Amino acid sequence: MFTLPFVVFFICQSFVFSHKEFPDAWSGVCAVMTANVIIASYVYVAFTEDEEDQEKLQEDDDNDASGPRVGVFKKRTD
């Protein structure tokens, strides 16, 4: 997410928009669009992730080695 927009900016500035009047502006727009595509793809993957792992954690015993349960997975004892 950090490196790819810079790479796109410099490639667009040097090769794609070198003949334009304001190559920095055009390259900046391409870099911003690249960052937005990366963020959108991350959000898409996060929402389409399988919920099987979370359901498995809820069904397991309390004696697992993954550590204490917190948040949604914590069982009330009061």
PDB file of N, CA and C in Angstrom:
ATOM      1  N   MET A   1       0.823  -1.184   0.000  1.00  0.00           N
ATOM      2  CA  MET A   1       0.000   0.000   0.000  1.00  0.00           C
ATOM      3  C   MET A   1       0.875   1.258   0.000  1.00  0.00           C
ATOM      4  N   PHE A   2       2.081   1.132   0.468  1.00  0.00           N
ATOM      5  CA  PHE A   2       2.959   2.303   0.523  1.00  0.00           C
ATOM      6  C   PHE A   2       3.780   2.443  -0.754  1.00  0.00           C
ATOM      7  N   THR A   3       4.310   1.356  -1.245  1.00  0.00           N
ATOM      8  CA  THR A   3       5.274   1.413  -2.338  1.00  0.00           C
ATOM      9  C   THR A   3       4.614   1.556  -3.710  1.00  0.00           C
ATOM     10  N   LEU A   4       3.544   0.833  -3.945  1.00  0.00           N
ATOM     11  CA  LEU A   4       2.940   0.801  -5.276  1.00  0.00           C
ATOM     12  C   LEU A   4       2.482   2.174  -5.785  1.00  0.00           C
ATOM     13  N   PRO A   5       1.842   3.029  -4.984  1.00  0.00           N
ATOM     14  CA  PRO A   5       1.493   4.361  -5.508  1.00  0.00           C
ATOM     15  C   PRO A   5       2.717   5.193  -5.915  1.00  0.00           C
ATOM     16  N   PHE A   6       3.816   5.061  -5.186  1.00  0.00           N
ATOM     17  CA  PHE A   6       5.035   5.777  -5.586  1.00  0.00           C
ATOM     18  C   PHE A   6       5.580   5.254  -6.901  1.00  0.00           C
ATOM     19  N   VAL A   7       5.564   3.946  -7.057  1.00  0.00           N
ATOM     20  CA  VAL A   7       6.045   3.348  -8.302  1.00  0.00           C
ATOM     21  C   VAL A   7       5.179   3.803  -9.466  1.00  0.00           C
ATOM     22  N   VAL A   8       3.868   3.788  -9.280  1.00  0.00           N
ATOM     23  CA  VAL A   8       2.948   4.230 -10.327  1.00  0.00           C
ATOM     24  C   VAL A   8       3.177   5.704 -10.642  1.00  0.00           C
ATOM     25  N   PHE A   9       3.388   6.517  -9.626  1.00  0.00           N
ATOM     26  CA  PHE A   9       3.627   7.947  -9.849  1.00  0.00           C
ATOM     27  C   PHE A   9       4.848   8.173 -10.730  1.00  0.00           C
ATOM     28  N   PHE A  10       5.960   7.550 -10.387  1.00  0.00           N
ATOM     29  CA  PHE A  10       7.184   7.799 -11.134  1.00  0.00           C
ATOM     30  C   PHE A  10       7.163   7.165 -12.524  1.00  0.00           C
ATOM     31  N   ILE A  11       6.505   6.037 -12.686  1.00  0.00           N
ATOM     32  CA  ILE A  11       6.384   5.438 -14.014  1.00  0.00           C
ATOM     33  C   ILE A  11       5.503   6.309 -14.900  1.00  0.00           C
ATOM     34  N   CYS A  12       4.390   6.778 -14.354  1.00  0.00           N
ATOM     35  CA  CYS A  12       3.504   7.647 -15.129  1.00  0.00           C
ATOM     36  C   CYS A  12       4.179   8.975 -15.459  1.00  0.00           C
ATOM     37  N   GLN A  13       4.929   9.501 -14.533  1.00  0.00           N
ATOM     38  CA  GLN A  13       5.603  10.782 -14.760  1.00  0.00           C
ATOM     39  C   GLN A  13       6.682  10.660 -15.825  1.00  0.00           C
ATOM     40  N   SER A  14       7.422   9.574 -15.804  1.00  0.00           N
ATOM     41  CA  SER A  14       8.550   9.422 -16.721  1.00  0.00           C
ATOM     42  C   SER A  14       8.145   8.931 -18.105  1.00  0.00           C
ATOM     43  N   PHE A  15       7.172   8.017 -18.171  1.00  0.00           N
ATOM     44  CA  PHE A  15       6.885   7.374 -19.442  1.00  0.00           C
ATOM     45  C   PHE A  15       5.502   7.691 -20.010  1.00  0.00           C
ATOM     46  N   VAL A  16       4.491   7.655 -19.188  1.00  0.00           N
ATOM     47  CA  VAL A  16       3.121   7.751 -19.699  1.00  0.00           C
ATOM     48  C   VAL A  16       2.720   9.192 -19.991  1.00  0.00           C
ATOM     49  N   PHE A  17       2.957  10.091 -19.058  1.00  0.00           N
ATOM     50  CA  PHE A  17       2.500  11.476 -19.208  1.00  0.00           C
ATOM     51  C   PHE A  17       3.647  12.459 -19.423  1.00  0.00           C
ATOM     52  N   SER A  18       4.761  12.029 -19.946  1.00  0.00           N
ATOM     53  CA  SER A  18       5.902  12.935 -20.128  1.00  0.00           C
ATOM     54  C   SER A  18       5.625  14.003 -21.189  1.00  0.00           C
ATOM     55  N   HIS A  19       4.711  13.753 -22.108  1.00  0.00           N
ATOM     56  CA  HIS A  19       4.398  14.717 -23.165  1.00  0.00           C
ATOM     57  C   HIS A  19       3.289  15.697 -22.768  1.00  0.00           C
ATOM     58  N   LYS A  20       2.625  15.477 -21.648  1.00  0.00           N
ATOM     59  CA  LYS A  20       1.544  16.365 -21.198  1.00  0.00           C
ATOM     60  C   LYS A  20       2.123  17.657 -20.614  1.00  0.00           C
ATOM     61  N   GLU A  21       1.254  18.652 -20.432  1.00  0.00           N
ATOM     62  CA  GLU A  21       1.688  19.939 -19.889  1.00  0.00           C
ATOM     63  C   GLU A  21       2.007  19.841 -18.402  1.00  0.00           C
ATOM     64  N   PHE A  22       1.204  19.109 -17.629  1.00  0.00           N
ATOM     65  CA  PHE A  22       1.417  18.940 -16.194  1.00  0.00           C
ATOM     66  C   PHE A  22       1.538  17.455 -15.862  1.00  0.00           C
ATOM     67  N   PRO A  23       2.689  16.851 -16.107  1.00  0.00           N
ATOM     68  CA  PRO A  23       2.815  15.410 -15.855  1.00  0.00           C
ATOM     69  C   PRO A  23       2.732  15.063 -14.369  1.00  0.00           C
ATOM     70  N   ASP A  24       3.102  16.005 -13.485  1.00  0.00           N
ATOM     71  CA  ASP A  24       3.021  15.729 -12.046  1.00  0.00           C
ATOM     72  C   ASP A  24       1.575  15.565 -11.588  1.00  0.00           C
ATOM     73  N   ALA A  25       0.698  16.395 -12.101  1.00  0.00           N
ATOM     74  CA  ALA A  25      -0.708  16.319 -11.712  1.00  0.00           C
ATOM     75  C   ALA A  25      -1.337  15.020 -12.204  1.00  0.00           C
ATOM     76  N   TRP A  26      -1.103  14.662 -13.457  1.00  0.00           N
ATOM     77  CA  TRP A  26      -1.643  13.422 -14.001  1.00  0.00           C
ATOM     78  C   TRP A  26      -1.084  12.211 -13.260  1.00  0.00           C
ATOM     79  N   SER A  27       0.189  12.244 -12.960  1.00  0.00           N
ATOM     80  CA  SER A  27       0.806  11.134 -12.236  1.00  0.00           C
ATOM     81  C   SER A  27       0.279  11.049 -10.811  1.00  0.00           C
ATOM     82  N   GLY A  28       0.034  12.170 -10.188  1.00  0.00           N
ATOM     83  CA  GLY A  28      -0.536  12.186  -8.848  1.00  0.00           C
ATOM     84  C   GLY A  28      -1.924  11.591  -8.816  1.00  0.00           C
ATOM     85  N   VAL A  29      -2.725  11.901  -9.820  1.00  0.00           N
ATOM     86  CA  VAL A  29      -4.066  11.322  -9.908  1.00  0.00           C
ATOM     87  C   VAL A  29      -3.975   9.806 -10.044  1.00  0.00           C
ATOM     88  N   CYS A  30      -3.052   9.327 -10.858  1.00  0.00           N
ATOM     89  CA  CYS A  30      -2.880   7.870 -11.014  1.00  0.00           C
ATOM     90  C   CYS A  30      -2.427   7.225  -9.703  1.00  0.00           C
ATOM     91  N   ALA A  31      -1.543   7.886  -8.975  1.00  0.00           N
ATOM     92  CA  ALA A  31      -1.073   7.345  -7.697  1.00  0.00           C
ATOM     93  C   ALA A  31      -2.214   7.291  -6.676  1.00  0.00           C
ATOM     94  N   VAL A  32      -3.032   8.322  -6.635  1.00  0.00           N
ATOM     95  CA  VAL A  32      -4.171   8.340  -5.710  1.00  0.00           C
ATOM     96  C   VAL A  32      -5.175   7.253  -6.082  1.00  0.00           C
ATOM     97  N   MET A  33      -5.423   7.077  -7.361  1.00  0.00           N
ATOM     98  CA  MET A  33      -6.336   6.019  -7.791  1.00  0.00           C
ATOM     99  C   MET A  33      -5.784   4.638  -7.443  1.00  0.00           C
ATOM    100  N   THR A  34      -4.479   4.468  -7.553  1.00  0.00           N
ATOM    101  CA  THR A  34      -3.859   3.197  -7.185  1.00  0.00           C
ATOM    102  C   THR A  34      -4.039   2.924  -5.693  1.00  0.00           C
ATOM    103  N   ALA A  35      -3.832   3.930  -4.866  1.00  0.00           N
ATOM    104  CA  ALA A  35      -4.018   3.759  -3.424  1.00  0.00           C
ATOM    105  C   ALA A  35      -5.475   3.419  -3.097  1.00  0.00           C
ATOM    106  N   ASN A  36      -6.423   4.044  -3.794  1.00  0.00           N
ATOM    107  CA  ASN A  36      -7.837   3.748  -3.561  1.00  0.00           C
ATOM    108  C   ASN A  36      -8.197   2.331  -3.983  1.00  0.00           C
ATOM    109  N   VAL A  37      -7.616   1.855  -5.073  1.00  0.00           N
ATOM    110  CA  VAL A  37      -7.861   0.480  -5.515  1.00  0.00           C
ATOM    111  C   VAL A  37      -7.322  -0.507  -4.486  1.00  0.00           C
ATOM    112  N   ILE A  38      -6.156  -0.222  -3.929  1.00  0.00           N
ATOM    113  CA  ILE A  38      -5.567  -1.101  -2.915  1.00  0.00           C
ATOM    114  C   ILE A  38      -6.448  -1.142  -1.671  1.00  0.00           C
ATOM    115  N   ILE A  39      -6.919  -0.001  -1.222  1.00  0.00           N
ATOM    116  CA  ILE A  39      -7.783   0.056  -0.034  1.00  0.00           C
ATOM    117  C   ILE A  39      -9.106  -0.664  -0.300  1.00  0.00           C
ATOM    118  N   ALA A  40      -9.690  -0.440  -1.470  1.00  0.00           N
ATOM    119  CA  ALA A  40     -10.959  -1.094  -1.803  1.00  0.00           C
ATOM    120  C   ALA A  40     -10.797  -2.608  -1.881  1.00  0.00           C
ATOM    121  N   SER A  41      -9.682  -3.073  -2.421  1.00  0.00           N
ATOM    122  CA  SER A  41      -9.471  -4.518  -2.491  1.00  0.00           C
ATOM    123  C   SER A  41      -9.265  -5.114  -1.101  1.00  0.00           C
ATOM    124  N   TYR A  42      -8.608  -4.383  -0.220  1.00  0.00           N
ATOM    125  CA  TYR A  42      -8.443  -4.856   1.158  1.00  0.00           C
ATOM    126  C   TYR A  42      -9.793  -4.965   1.860  1.00  0.00           C
ATOM    127  N   VAL A  43     -10.648  -3.979   1.689  1.00  0.00           N
ATOM    128  CA  VAL A  43     -11.975  -4.001   2.305  1.00  0.00           C
ATOM    129  C   VAL A  43     -12.805  -5.141   1.726  1.00  0.00           C
ATOM    130  N   TYR A  44     -12.724  -5.354   0.418  1.00  0.00           N
ATOM    131  CA  TYR A  44     -13.465  -6.447  -0.216  1.00  0.00           C
ATOM    132  C   TYR A  44     -13.030  -7.801   0.334  1.00  0.00           C
ATOM    133  N   VAL A  45     -11.737  -8.012   0.441  1.00  0.00           N
ATOM    134  CA  VAL A  45     -11.224  -9.278   0.967  1.00  0.00           C
ATOM    135  C   VAL A  45     -11.635  -9.447   2.427  1.00  0.00           C
ATOM    136  N   ALA A  46     -11.623  -8.372   3.196  1.00  0.00           N
ATOM    137  CA  ALA A  46     -12.008  -8.463   4.604  1.00  0.00           C
ATOM    138  C   ALA A  46     -13.484  -8.840   4.760  1.00  0.00           C
ATOM    139  N   PHE A  47     -14.352  -8.324   3.895  1.00  0.00           N
ATOM    140  CA  PHE A  47     -15.771  -8.633   4.004  1.00  0.00           C
ATOM    141  C   PHE A  47     -16.128 -10.003   3.438  1.00  0.00           C
ATOM    142  N   THR A  48     -15.332 -10.519   2.518  1.00  0.00           N
ATOM    143  CA  THR A  48     -15.638 -11.822   1.933  1.00  0.00           C
ATOM    144  C   THR A  48     -14.882 -12.953   2.607  1.00  0.00           C
ATOM    145  N   GLU A  49     -14.193 -12.665   3.673  1.00  0.00           N
ATOM    146  CA  GLU A  49     -13.433 -13.684   4.379  1.00  0.00           C
ATOM    147  C   GLU A  49     -14.382 -14.703   5.006  1.00  0.00           C
ATOM    148  N   ASP A  50     -13.974 -15.960   4.998  1.00  0.00           N
ATOM    149  CA  ASP A  50     -14.812 -17.021   5.562  1.00  0.00           C
ATOM    150  C   ASP A  50     -14.969 -16.833   7.059  1.00  0.00           C
ATOM    151  N   GLU A  51     -16.160 -17.149   7.528  1.00  0.00           N
ATOM    152  CA  GLU A  51     -16.443 -17.037   8.957  1.00  0.00           C
ATOM    153  C   GLU A  51     -16.228 -18.369   9.673  1.00  0.00           C
ATOM    154  N   GLU A  52     -15.723 -19.369   8.971  1.00  0.00           N
ATOM    155  CA  GLU A  52     -15.505 -20.683   9.568  1.00  0.00           C
ATOM    156  C   GLU A  52     -14.481 -20.625  10.700  1.00  0.00           C
ATOM    157  N   ASP A  53     -13.454 -19.805  10.534  1.00  0.00           N
ATOM    158  CA  ASP A  53     -12.431 -19.696  11.570  1.00  0.00           C
ATOM    159  C   ASP A  53     -13.010 -19.134  12.862  1.00  0.00           C
ATOM    160  N   GLN A  54     -13.867 -18.140  12.758  1.00  0.00           N
ATOM    161  CA  GLN A  54     -14.466 -17.553  13.950  1.00  0.00           C
ATOM    162  C   GLN A  54     -15.432 -18.528  14.615  1.00  0.00           C
ATOM    163  N   GLU A  55     -16.198 -19.254  13.816  1.00  0.00           N
ATOM    164  CA  GLU A  55     -17.126 -20.227  14.383  1.00  0.00           C
ATOM    165  C   GLU A  55     -16.359 -21.355  15.057  1.00  0.00           C
ATOM    166  N   LYS A  56     -15.238 -21.749  14.489  1.00  0.00           N
ATOM    167  CA  LYS A  56     -14.422 -22.815  15.074  1.00  0.00           C
ATOM    168  C   LYS A  56     -13.853 -22.375  16.417  1.00  0.00           C
ATOM    169  N   LEU A  57     -13.450 -21.123  16.519  1.00  0.00           N
ATOM    170  CA  LEU A  57     -12.920 -20.623  17.786  1.00  0.00           C
ATOM    171  C   LEU A  57     -13.998 -20.620  18.864  1.00  0.00           C
ATOM    172  N   GLN A  58     -15.224 -20.343  18.501  1.00  0.00           N
ATOM    173  CA  GLN A  58     -16.297 -20.318  19.479  1.00  0.00           C
ATOM    174  C   GLN A  58     -16.648 -21.722  19.954  1.00  0.00           C
ATOM    175  N   GLU A  59     -16.481 -22.730  19.102  1.00  0.00           N
ATOM    176  CA  GLU A  59     -16.847 -24.092  19.450  1.00  0.00           C
ATOM    177  C   GLU A  59     -15.761 -24.831  20.219  1.00  0.00           C
ATOM    178  N   ASP A  60     -14.512 -24.385  20.138  1.00  0.00           N
ATOM    179  CA  ASP A  60     -13.402 -25.072  20.793  1.00  0.00           C
ATOM    180  C   ASP A  60     -13.524 -25.000  22.312  1.00  0.00           C
ATOM    181  N   ASP A  61     -12.784 -25.878  22.977  1.00  0.00           N
ATOM    182  CA  ASP A  61     -12.734 -25.860  24.440  1.00  0.00           C
ATOM    183  C   ASP A  61     -11.949 -24.660  24.926  1.00  0.00           C
ATOM    184  N   ASP A  62     -12.029 -24.408  26.250  1.00  0.00           N
ATOM    185  CA  ASP A  62     -11.269 -23.311  26.842  1.00  0.00           C
ATOM    186  C   ASP A  62      -9.802 -23.665  27.030  1.00  0.00           C
ATOM    187  N   ASN A  63      -9.411 -24.893  26.796  1.00  0.00           N
ATOM    188  CA  ASN A  63      -8.046 -25.342  27.046  1.00  0.00           C
ATOM    189  C   ASN A  63      -7.156 -25.236  25.807  1.00  0.00           C
ATOM    190  N   ASP A  64      -7.446 -24.332  24.889  1.00  0.00           N
ATOM    191  CA  ASP A  64      -6.604 -24.216  23.710  1.00  0.00           C
ATOM    192  C   ASP A  64      -5.383 -23.360  24.012  1.00  0.00           C
ATOM    193  N   ALA A  65      -4.348 -23.506  23.210  1.00  0.00           N
ATOM    194  CA  ALA A  65      -3.071 -22.836  23.457  1.00  0.00           C
ATOM    195  C   ALA A  65      -2.987 -21.461  22.814  1.00  0.00           C
ATOM    196  N   SER A  66      -4.076 -20.975  22.246  1.00  0.00           N
ATOM    197  CA  SER A  66      -4.015 -19.700  21.549  1.00  0.00           C
ATOM    198  C   SER A  66      -4.092 -18.504  22.495  1.00  0.00           C
ATOM    199  N   GLY A  67      -4.321 -18.714  23.764  1.00  0.00           N
ATOM    200  CA  GLY A  67      -4.347 -17.612  24.709  1.00  0.00           C
ATOM    201  C   GLY A  67      -5.738 -17.383  25.265  1.00  0.00           C
ATOM    202  N   PRO A  68      -5.877 -16.377  26.106  1.00  0.00           N
ATOM    203  CA  PRO A  68      -7.179 -16.124  26.726  1.00  0.00           C
ATOM    204  C   PRO A  68      -8.178 -15.585  25.707  1.00  0.00           C
ATOM    205  N   ARG A  69      -9.422 -15.877  25.942  1.00  0.00           N
ATOM    206  CA  ARG A  69     -10.473 -15.387  25.059  1.00  0.00           C
ATOM    207  C   ARG A  69     -10.843 -13.964  25.463  1.00  0.00           C
ATOM    208  N   VAL A  70     -10.986 -13.129  24.459  1.00  0.00           N
ATOM    209  CA  VAL A  70     -11.345 -11.732  24.707  1.00  0.00           C
ATOM    210  C   VAL A  70     -12.438 -11.339  23.732  1.00  0.00           C
ATOM    211  N   GLY A  71     -13.136 -10.260  24.031  1.00  0.00           N
ATOM    212  CA  GLY A  71     -14.142  -9.726  23.125  1.00  0.00           C
ATOM    213  C   GLY A  71     -15.332 -10.647  22.961  1.00  0.00           C
ATOM    214  N   VAL A  72     -15.675 -10.960  21.732  1.00  0.00           N
ATOM    215  CA  VAL A  72     -16.837 -11.766  21.412  1.00  0.00           C
ATOM    216  C   VAL A  72     -16.664 -13.197  21.910  1.00  0.00           C
ATOM    217  N   PHE A  73     -15.434 -13.696  21.931  1.00  0.00           N
ATOM    218  CA  PHE A  73     -15.176 -15.084  22.271  1.00  0.00           C
ATOM    219  C   PHE A  73     -15.093 -15.338  23.776  1.00  0.00           C
ATOM    220  N   LYS A  74     -15.097 -14.289  24.577  1.00  0.00           N
ATOM    221  CA  LYS A  74     -14.986 -14.446  26.018  1.00  0.00           C
ATOM    222  C   LYS A  74     -16.295 -14.969  26.599  1.00  0.00           C
ATOM    223  N   LYS A  75     -16.184 -15.939  27.518  1.00  0.00           N
ATOM    224  CA  LYS A  75     -17.370 -16.469  28.163  1.00  0.00           C
ATOM    225  C   LYS A  75     -17.528 -15.822  29.534  1.00  0.00           C
ATOM    226  N   ARG A  76     -18.730 -15.433  29.829  1.00  0.00           N
ATOM    227  CA  ARG A  76     -19.002 -14.776  31.121  1.00  0.00           C
ATOM    228  C   ARG A  76     -18.987 -15.811  32.222  1.00  0.00           C
ATOM    229  N   THR A  77     -18.461 -15.425  33.377  1.00  0.00           N
ATOM    230  CA  THR A  77     -18.388 -16.350  34.517  1.00  0.00           C
ATOM    231  C   THR A  77     -19.205 -15.862  35.706  1.00  0.00           C
ATOM    232  N   ASP A  78     -19.917 -14.753  35.549  1.00  0.00           N
ATOM    233  CA  ASP A  78     -20.679 -14.235  36.703  1.00  0.00           C
ATOM    234  C   ASP A  78     -22.095 -14.683  36.715  1.00  0.00           C
TER     235      ASP A  78
END
